[in-house]
Amino acid sequence: MYQLTVKELMSTELITLERDETLDLATEIMRLARIRHLPVIDESGHLCGLVTHRDLLGAQVSALAGLTRDELEDLDSSISVSTIMTEDVMTIGPDATALDAAKIMREHRIGCLPVTEGEALVGIITEADFLELVIRALEKKPA
């Protein structure tokens, strides 16, 4: 029986951050690229963390803090993503089945799994990838 693998479904054109890049940059990248997950890599290209849209929302200073918009922007441009990123990130290998990836994501209630070979980041599989798979399957006409 054929098993769809992670490497057949994952995205490989990745947008990543480095640890010292700032919250305002992460926010702008997510907005422009219309994504919700940014892997954080070290200088060797090894995965060292993950920043999600939810992380950024949680890190935003409330408007109730009494700061002006400029002050809030200055604050976000001075905080590095390493302060809010998740460091203990669940990953999966490219040869794992897509079914295994989906079950892990459902069980742990996470929106993505970075795909690694050894320590190297090679892709990411997200809820959007699974939604695209469902759409393609539903659009197929019966034989």
C-alpha atoms as a PDB file:
ATOM      1  CA  MET A   1       0.000   0.000   0.000  1.00  0.00           C
ATOM      2  CA  TYR A   2       1.317   3.428  -0.979  1.00  0.00           C
ATOM      3  CA  GLN A   3       2.095   5.823   1.867  1.00  0.00           C
ATOM      4  CA  LEU A   4       2.432   9.539   1.127  1.00  0.00           C
ATOM      5  CA  THR A   5       5.637  10.806   2.726  1.00  0.00           C
ATOM      6  CA  VAL A   6       6.420  14.088   4.429  1.00  0.00           C
ATOM      7  CA  LYS A   7       8.903  15.007   1.682  1.00  0.00           C
ATOM      8  CA  GLU A   8       6.117  14.759  -0.919  1.00  0.00           C
ATOM      9  CA  LEU A   9       3.971  17.225   0.988  1.00  0.00           C
ATOM     10  CA  MET A  10       6.359  19.568   2.807  1.00  0.00           C
ATOM     11  CA  SER A  11       7.366  23.054   1.759  1.00  0.00           C
ATOM     12  CA  THR A  12      11.048  23.376   0.928  1.00  0.00           C
ATOM     13  CA  GLU A  13      11.243  27.048  -0.012  1.00  0.00           C
ATOM     14  CA  LEU A  14      11.681  28.198   3.549  1.00  0.00           C
ATOM     15  CA  ILE A  15      11.765  31.603   5.087  1.00  0.00           C
ATOM     16  CA  THR A  16      13.833  31.460   8.248  1.00  0.00           C
ATOM     17  CA  LEU A  17      15.126  33.757  10.947  1.00  0.00           C
ATOM     18  CA  GLU A  18      18.320  33.851  12.942  1.00  0.00           C
ATOM     19  CA  ARG A  19      18.278  34.126  16.745  1.00  0.00           C
ATOM     20  CA  ASP A  20      19.268  37.792  16.864  1.00  0.00           C
ATOM     21  CA  GLU A  21      16.657  39.027  14.396  1.00  0.00           C
ATOM     22  CA  THR A  22      13.887  41.127  15.875  1.00  0.00           C
ATOM     23  CA  LEU A  23      10.191  40.778  16.600  1.00  0.00           C
ATOM     24  CA  ASP A  24       9.271  43.546  14.186  1.00  0.00           C
ATOM     25  CA  LEU A  25      11.095  41.733  11.369  1.00  0.00           C
ATOM     26  CA  ALA A  26       9.345  38.442  12.227  1.00  0.00           C
ATOM     27  CA  THR A  27       5.975  40.194  12.275  1.00  0.00           C
ATOM     28  CA  GLU A  28       6.587  41.868   8.921  1.00  0.00           C
ATOM     29  CA  ILE A  29       7.805  38.636   7.281  1.00  0.00           C
ATOM     30  CA  MET A  30       4.752  36.747   8.474  1.00  0.00           C
ATOM     31  CA  ARG A  31       2.468  39.504   7.229  1.00  0.00           C
ATOM     32  CA  LEU A  32       4.083  39.803   3.802  1.00  0.00           C
ATOM     33  CA  ALA A  33       4.547  36.062   3.206  1.00  0.00           C
ATOM     34  CA  ARG A  34       1.154  35.203   4.735  1.00  0.00           C
ATOM     35  CA  ILE A  35       2.665  32.524   6.967  1.00  0.00           C
ATOM     36  CA  ARG A  36       2.295  31.696  10.658  1.00  0.00           C
ATOM     37  CA  HIS A  37       5.517  29.797  11.421  1.00  0.00           C
ATOM     38  CA  LEU A  38       9.147  30.860  11.141  1.00  0.00           C
ATOM     39  CA  PRO A  39      11.914  28.380  11.884  1.00  0.00           C
ATOM     40  CA  VAL A  40      14.907  29.913  13.630  1.00  0.00           C
ATOM     41  CA  ILE A  41      18.282  28.597  12.488  1.00  0.00           C
ATOM     42  CA  ASP A  42      21.871  29.030  13.595  1.00  0.00           C
ATOM     43  CA  GLU A  43      24.782  29.976  11.342  1.00  0.00           C
ATOM     44  CA  SER A  44      25.134  26.323  10.262  1.00  0.00           C
ATOM     45  CA  GLY A  45      21.526  26.078   9.102  1.00  0.00           C
ATOM     46  CA  HIS A  46      20.559  23.896  12.055  1.00  0.00           C
ATOM     47  CA  LEU A  47      17.140  24.359  13.578  1.00  0.00           C
ATOM     48  CA  CYS A  48      17.370  26.012  16.988  1.00  0.00           C
ATOM     49  CA  GLY A  49      13.806  27.213  17.487  1.00  0.00           C
ATOM     50  CA  LEU A  50      10.454  28.212  16.073  1.00  0.00           C
ATOM     51  CA  VAL A  51       8.512  31.467  16.231  1.00  0.00           C
ATOM     52  CA  THR A  52       4.790  31.338  15.591  1.00  0.00           C
ATOM     53  CA  HIS A  53       2.205  34.011  14.977  1.00  0.00           C
ATOM     54  CA  ARG A  54       0.775  33.138  18.383  1.00  0.00           C
ATOM     55  CA  ASP A  55       4.197  33.745  20.000  1.00  0.00           C
ATOM     56  CA  LEU A  56       4.319  37.199  18.435  1.00  0.00           C
ATOM     57  CA  LEU A  57       0.804  38.039  19.586  1.00  0.00           C
ATOM     58  CA  GLY A  58       1.695  36.949  23.103  1.00  0.00           C
ATOM     59  CA  ALA A  59       4.814  39.114  23.087  1.00  0.00           C
ATOM     60  CA  GLN A  60       3.077  42.278  21.965  1.00  0.00           C
ATOM     61  CA  VAL A  61       2.826  44.930  24.607  1.00  0.00           C
ATOM     62  CA  SER A  62      -0.781  45.793  25.244  1.00  0.00           C
ATOM     63  CA  ALA A  63      -2.088  49.123  24.020  1.00  0.00           C
ATOM     64  CA  LEU A  64      -3.163  49.551  27.629  1.00  0.00           C
ATOM     65  CA  ALA A  65       0.511  49.997  28.564  1.00  0.00           C
ATOM     66  CA  GLY A  66       0.192  53.659  27.586  1.00  0.00           C
ATOM     67  CA  LEU A  67       2.921  53.589  24.929  1.00  0.00           C
ATOM     68  CA  THR A  68       2.648  55.393  21.613  1.00  0.00           C
ATOM     69  CA  ARG A  69       2.715  53.471  18.352  1.00  0.00           C
ATOM     70  CA  ASP A  70       6.309  54.638  17.740  1.00  0.00           C
ATOM     71  CA  GLU A  71       7.347  53.496  21.216  1.00  0.00           C
ATOM     72  CA  LEU A  72       5.767  50.081  20.607  1.00  0.00           C
ATOM     73  CA  GLU A  73       7.574  49.773  17.261  1.00  0.00           C
ATOM     74  CA  ASP A  74      10.878  50.779  18.888  1.00  0.00           C
ATOM     75  CA  LEU A  75      10.349  48.135  21.536  1.00  0.00           C
ATOM     76  CA  ASP A  76       9.620  45.406  18.953  1.00  0.00           C
ATOM     77  CA  SER A  77      12.717  46.397  16.991  1.00  0.00           C
ATOM     78  CA  SER A  78      14.885  45.944  20.074  1.00  0.00           C
ATOM     79  CA  ILE A  79      13.719  42.473  21.142  1.00  0.00           C
ATOM     80  CA  SER A  80      15.261  39.432  19.470  1.00  0.00           C
ATOM     81  CA  VAL A  81      13.192  36.429  18.441  1.00  0.00           C
ATOM     82  CA  SER A  82      15.379  34.241  20.661  1.00  0.00           C
ATOM     83  CA  THR A  83      13.537  35.684  23.674  1.00  0.00           C
ATOM     84  CA  ILE A  84      10.155  34.326  22.581  1.00  0.00           C
ATOM     85  CA  MET A  85      10.939  31.355  20.319  1.00  0.00           C
ATOM     86  CA  THR A  86      10.162  27.795  21.310  1.00  0.00           C
ATOM     87  CA  GLU A  87      13.478  25.979  21.589  1.00  0.00           C
ATOM     88  CA  ASP A  88      12.292  22.431  22.206  1.00  0.00           C
ATOM     89  CA  VAL A  89      10.655  22.004  18.808  1.00  0.00           C
ATOM     90  CA  MET A  90       9.073  18.766  17.677  1.00  0.00           C
ATOM     91  CA  THR A  91      10.420  17.738  14.271  1.00  0.00           C
ATOM     92  CA  ILE A  92       9.914  14.962  11.768  1.00  0.00           C
ATOM     93  CA  GLY A  93      12.056  13.366   9.092  1.00  0.00           C
ATOM     94  CA  PRO A  94      11.312  13.645   5.377  1.00  0.00           C
ATOM     95  CA  ASP A  95      10.792   9.898   4.979  1.00  0.00           C
ATOM     96  CA  ALA A  96       8.129   9.670   7.686  1.00  0.00           C
ATOM     97  CA  THR A  97       4.582   9.199   6.473  1.00  0.00           C
ATOM     98  CA  ALA A  98       2.297  12.177   6.087  1.00  0.00           C
ATOM     99  CA  LEU A  99      -0.185  10.248   8.230  1.00  0.00           C
ATOM    100  CA  ASP A 100       2.343  10.095  11.080  1.00  0.00           C
ATOM    101  CA  ALA A 101       2.963  13.840  10.744  1.00  0.00           C
ATOM    102  CA  ALA A 102      -0.761  14.590  10.828  1.00  0.00           C
ATOM    103  CA  LYS A 103      -1.264  12.427  13.912  1.00  0.00           C
ATOM    104  CA  ILE A 104       1.621  14.126  15.745  1.00  0.00           C
ATOM    105  CA  MET A 105       0.252  17.554  14.886  1.00  0.00           C
ATOM    106  CA  ARG A 106      -3.246  16.595  16.020  1.00  0.00           C
ATOM    107  CA  GLU A 107      -2.085  14.905  19.215  1.00  0.00           C
ATOM    108  CA  HIS A 108       0.132  17.810  20.261  1.00  0.00           C
ATOM    109  CA  ARG A 109      -2.182  20.511  18.880  1.00  0.00           C
ATOM    110  CA  ILE A 110       0.542  22.156  16.828  1.00  0.00           C
ATOM    111  CA  GLY A 111       0.259  23.875  13.463  1.00  0.00           C
ATOM    112  CA  CYS A 112       3.521  22.725  11.919  1.00  0.00           C
ATOM    113  CA  LEU A 113       6.423  20.330  12.085  1.00  0.00           C
ATOM    114  CA  PRO A 114       9.846  21.424  10.892  1.00  0.00           C
ATOM    115  CA  VAL A 115      11.389  18.675   8.760  1.00  0.00           C
ATOM    116  CA  THR A 116      14.980  17.818   9.566  1.00  0.00           C
ATOM    117  CA  GLU A 117      17.659  15.478   8.299  1.00  0.00           C
ATOM    118  CA  GLY A 118      20.122  15.095  11.115  1.00  0.00           C
ATOM    119  CA  GLU A 119      20.306  18.621  12.505  1.00  0.00           C
ATOM    120  CA  ALA A 120      19.715  20.332   9.147  1.00  0.00           C
ATOM    121  CA  LEU A 121      16.369  21.970   8.432  1.00  0.00           C
ATOM    122  CA  VAL A 122      15.129  20.724   5.042  1.00  0.00           C
ATOM    123  CA  GLY A 123      11.466  21.694   5.050  1.00  0.00           C
ATOM    124  CA  ILE A 124       8.319  22.352   7.018  1.00  0.00           C
ATOM    125  CA  ILE A 125       4.927  20.673   6.957  1.00  0.00           C
ATOM    126  CA  THR A 126       1.940  22.715   8.083  1.00  0.00           C
ATOM    127  CA  GLU A 127      -1.800  22.525   8.501  1.00  0.00           C
ATOM    128  CA  ALA A 128      -2.035  24.420   5.212  1.00  0.00           C
ATOM    129  CA  ASP A 129      -0.169  21.587   3.437  1.00  0.00           C
ATOM    130  CA  PHE A 130      -2.719  19.092   4.741  1.00  0.00           C
ATOM    131  CA  LEU A 131      -5.605  21.346   3.758  1.00  0.00           C
ATOM    132  CA  GLU A 132      -4.172  21.579   0.235  1.00  0.00           C
ATOM    133  CA  LEU A 133      -3.957  17.768   0.143  1.00  0.00           C
ATOM    134  CA  VAL A 134      -7.618  17.456   1.151  1.00  0.00           C
ATOM    135  CA  ILE A 135      -8.674  19.986  -1.490  1.00  0.00           C
ATOM    136  CA  ARG A 136      -6.755  18.107  -4.206  1.00  0.00           C
ATOM    137  CA  ALA A 137      -8.304  14.809  -3.103  1.00  0.00           C
ATOM    138  CA  LEU A 138     -11.812  16.228  -3.046  1.00  0.00           C
ATOM    139  CA  GLU A 139     -11.429  17.826  -6.478  1.00  0.00           C
ATOM    140  CA  LYS A 140     -10.543  14.503  -8.124  1.00  0.00           C
ATOM    141  CA  LYS A 141     -13.418  13.096 -10.056  1.00  0.00           C
ATOM    142  CA  PRO A 142     -14.306   9.421  -9.553  1.00  0.00           C
ATOM    143  CA  ALA A 143     -13.150   7.120 -12.347  1.00  0.00           C
END
